[in-house]
Amino acid sequence: MKSLLRIVLTIVLLLIIITVFLYSGLYNISAMVPHNRITLKIISVLKNNSIKHYAEDITPPNLGDPALINNGFAHYKEMCVNCHGAPGIQPDETGRGLYPKPPDLSKSIKDWTPAQLFWITKNGIKMTGMPSFGKTHSDDKIWAIVAFIEKLPGMSKEKYQAYNKQVKENDDD
């Protein structure tokens, strides 16, 4: 019985300490101050496992369709390049000011499957600056973005500019 009482008192004490800390305002949430290692680890594990769990049953369409990729480029250029950059293009001042820093998708997408990229793009990620495009874009448009993002690794500045030229020419037609 004493052991149970000690456990309950310990839990109550921990809850009181956590509550006091949460309401104290001592934790600096400024985007200019990085998280400590423990917080980063907790957020990273939670984010990665959540994305993997929720993307588990998503089946991608054929992402090799050139029309889908070109459509994805147009959306990427309009909505993503500001924060994530592109070959030969640095993120703008908004993207550079975000914390955590938006990933360079030409390097980081190797860590994610197309289904996971779809889930991230559709649902966003809380407290990262990554918006939910599922509220404003159809699944087809989101898959188009994923199809283009899949092409980013190894893409040269010239190839990115060629996509830009091709999309402009199609808009002029």
Protein backbone atom coordinates (compact mmCIF):
# COMPACT_ATOMS: atom_id res chain seq x y z
CA MET A 1 0.00 0.00 0.00
CA LYS A 2 2.89 2.39 0.79
CA SER A 3 4.37 1.75 -2.64
CA LEU A 4 1.11 2.63 -4.36
CA LEU A 5 0.84 5.82 -2.30
CA ARG A 6 4.42 6.80 -3.24
CA ILE A 7 3.69 6.21 -6.91
CA VAL A 8 0.51 8.31 -6.76
CA LEU A 9 2.27 11.11 -4.87
CA THR A 10 5.16 11.06 -7.33
CA ILE A 11 2.77 11.32 -10.28
CA VAL A 12 0.86 14.17 -8.59
CA LEU A 13 4.12 15.99 -7.84
CA LEU A 14 5.30 15.58 -11.45
CA LEU A 15 1.98 16.89 -12.74
CA ILE A 16 2.25 19.93 -10.45
CA ILE A 17 5.82 20.62 -11.61
CA ILE A 18 4.86 20.26 -15.28
CA THR A 19 1.82 22.52 -14.80
CA VAL A 20 3.87 25.21 -13.06
CA PHE A 21 6.47 25.04 -15.85
CA LEU A 22 3.83 25.24 -18.60
CA TYR A 23 2.16 28.27 -17.06
CA SER A 24 5.40 30.01 -16.06
CA GLY A 25 6.27 31.15 -19.58
CA LEU A 26 9.91 30.19 -18.99
CA TYR A 27 10.22 28.03 -22.11
CA ASN A 28 11.31 30.33 -24.93
CA ILE A 29 9.15 29.56 -27.99
CA SER A 30 10.87 32.16 -30.18
CA ALA A 31 11.64 30.90 -33.68
CA MET A 32 15.08 32.47 -33.24
CA VAL A 33 16.01 30.12 -30.39
CA PRO A 34 16.46 26.43 -31.31
CA HIS A 35 14.81 23.72 -29.23
CA ASN A 36 16.99 21.81 -26.79
CA ARG A 37 18.07 18.27 -27.75
CA ILE A 38 15.40 16.54 -25.69
CA THR A 39 12.59 18.60 -27.21
CA LEU A 40 13.99 18.07 -30.71
CA LYS A 41 14.17 14.32 -30.17
CA ILE A 42 10.61 14.12 -28.85
CA ILE A 43 9.23 16.20 -31.73
CA SER A 44 11.23 14.26 -34.33
CA VAL A 45 10.13 10.84 -33.08
CA LEU A 46 6.51 11.96 -32.80
CA LYS A 47 6.50 13.57 -36.27
CA ASN A 48 8.21 10.67 -38.05
CA ASN A 49 6.08 7.97 -36.48
CA SER A 50 2.85 9.91 -36.97
CA ILE A 51 3.56 10.46 -40.67
CA LYS A 52 4.48 6.81 -41.20
CA HIS A 53 1.34 5.65 -39.35
CA TYR A 54 -1.13 7.88 -41.19
CA ALA A 55 0.44 7.36 -44.64
CA GLU A 56 0.51 3.58 -44.28
CA ASP A 57 -2.62 2.86 -46.35
CA ILE A 58 -2.12 5.52 -49.03
CA THR A 59 -1.47 4.15 -52.53
CA PRO A 60 0.25 6.52 -54.98
CA PRO A 61 -0.87 6.83 -58.60
CA ASN A 62 1.63 6.64 -61.48
CA LEU A 63 3.96 9.53 -60.64
CA GLY A 64 5.94 9.24 -63.88
CA ASP A 65 3.30 10.94 -66.06
CA PRO A 66 4.98 14.03 -67.63
CA ALA A 67 1.73 16.05 -67.54
CA LEU A 68 1.37 15.30 -63.82
CA ILE A 69 4.99 16.32 -63.18
CA ASN A 70 4.58 19.59 -65.13
CA ASN A 71 1.38 20.36 -63.24
CA GLY A 72 3.26 19.63 -60.01
CA PHE A 73 6.05 21.99 -61.04
CA ALA A 74 3.54 24.84 -61.48
CA HIS A 75 2.13 24.25 -58.00
CA TYR A 76 5.60 23.78 -56.45
CA LYS A 77 6.83 27.03 -57.99
CA GLU A 78 3.76 28.90 -56.75
CA MET A 79 3.49 27.49 -53.22
CA CYS A 80 6.64 25.64 -52.13
CA VAL A 81 9.74 27.29 -53.53
CA ASN A 82 9.46 30.28 -51.17
CA CYS A 83 10.19 28.10 -48.16
CA HIS A 84 11.96 25.04 -49.59
CA GLY A 85 13.89 26.63 -52.43
CA ALA A 86 14.65 24.84 -55.69
CA PRO A 87 17.71 24.04 -57.79
CA GLY A 88 19.49 27.38 -58.14
CA ILE A 89 16.89 29.19 -55.98
CA GLN A 90 17.32 29.88 -52.28
CA PRO A 91 14.30 30.10 -49.97
CA ASP A 92 12.98 33.64 -49.62
CA GLU A 93 13.06 35.66 -46.40
CA THR A 94 9.95 33.92 -45.06
CA GLY A 95 11.49 30.50 -45.61
CA ARG A 96 14.78 31.59 -44.05
CA GLY A 97 12.93 32.91 -40.99
CA LEU A 98 11.03 29.72 -40.20
CA TYR A 99 11.97 27.40 -37.37
CA PRO A 100 12.35 24.59 -37.77
CA LYS A 101 14.05 25.34 -41.08
CA PRO A 102 12.06 23.93 -44.02
CA PRO A 103 13.98 21.01 -45.52
CA ASP A 104 15.77 21.19 -48.86
CA LEU A 105 13.48 18.74 -50.64
CA SER A 106 16.11 17.77 -53.18
CA LYS A 107 18.00 16.18 -50.28
CA SER A 108 15.39 15.22 -47.70
CA ILE A 109 12.78 13.41 -49.80
CA LYS A 110 14.89 10.26 -49.83
CA ASP A 111 13.73 9.83 -46.22
CA TRP A 112 10.06 9.67 -47.24
CA THR A 113 7.93 7.48 -49.50
CA PRO A 114 5.59 9.10 -52.06
CA ALA A 115 2.64 8.20 -49.80
CA GLN A 116 4.30 9.94 -46.86
CA LEU A 117 5.09 13.02 -48.98
CA PHE A 118 1.44 13.09 -50.04
CA TRP A 119 0.30 12.89 -46.42
CA ILE A 120 2.70 15.67 -45.36
CA THR A 121 1.63 17.92 -48.25
CA LYS A 122 -2.07 17.26 -47.75
CA ASN A 123 -2.16 17.53 -43.95
CA GLY A 124 0.74 19.83 -43.09
CA ILE A 125 2.76 19.52 -39.89
CA LYS A 126 1.78 21.43 -36.78
CA MET A 127 4.16 24.08 -35.43
CA THR A 128 6.55 23.88 -38.39
CA GLY A 129 5.12 26.39 -40.84
CA MET A 130 4.16 23.52 -43.19
CA PRO A 131 0.56 24.28 -44.19
CA SER A 132 -2.18 21.81 -44.98
CA PHE A 133 -2.84 21.96 -48.72
CA GLY A 134 -5.65 19.43 -48.34
CA LYS A 135 -7.97 22.27 -47.43
CA THR A 136 -7.33 24.10 -50.71
CA HIS A 137 -6.17 21.47 -53.20
CA SER A 138 -7.63 18.26 -54.57
CA ASP A 139 -5.80 14.98 -54.08
CA ASP A 140 -4.91 15.04 -57.79
CA LYS A 141 -3.15 18.40 -57.41
CA ILE A 142 -1.33 17.19 -54.30
CA TRP A 143 -0.17 14.05 -56.14
CA ALA A 144 1.09 16.32 -58.92
CA ILE A 145 3.22 18.21 -56.39
CA VAL A 146 4.57 14.90 -55.06
CA ALA A 147 5.34 13.76 -58.63
CA PHE A 148 7.44 16.88 -59.17
CA ILE A 149 9.11 16.71 -55.76
CA GLU A 150 10.18 13.14 -56.59
CA LYS A 151 12.19 14.62 -59.50
CA LEU A 152 14.10 17.15 -57.36
CA PRO A 153 17.03 14.97 -56.19
CA GLY A 154 19.87 15.51 -58.63
CA MET A 155 17.94 18.12 -60.65
CA SER A 156 20.17 20.85 -62.03
CA LYS A 157 19.38 24.55 -62.07
CA GLU A 158 19.10 24.27 -65.86
CA LYS A 159 16.59 21.41 -65.68
CA TYR A 160 14.49 23.40 -63.19
CA GLN A 161 14.57 26.38 -65.56
CA ALA A 162 13.53 24.08 -68.44
CA TYR A 163 10.43 23.05 -66.45
CA ASN A 164 9.71 26.73 -65.90
CA LYS A 165 10.02 27.48 -69.61
CA GLN A 166 7.85 24.50 -70.55
CA VAL A 167 5.09 25.49 -68.11
CA LYS A 168 5.17 29.11 -69.36
CA GLU A 169 4.88 27.92 -72.97
CA ASN A 170 1.89 25.72 -72.06
CA ASP A 171 0.25 28.68 -70.30
CA ASP A 172 0.70 30.82 -73.43
CA ASP A 173 -1.02 28.24 -75.65
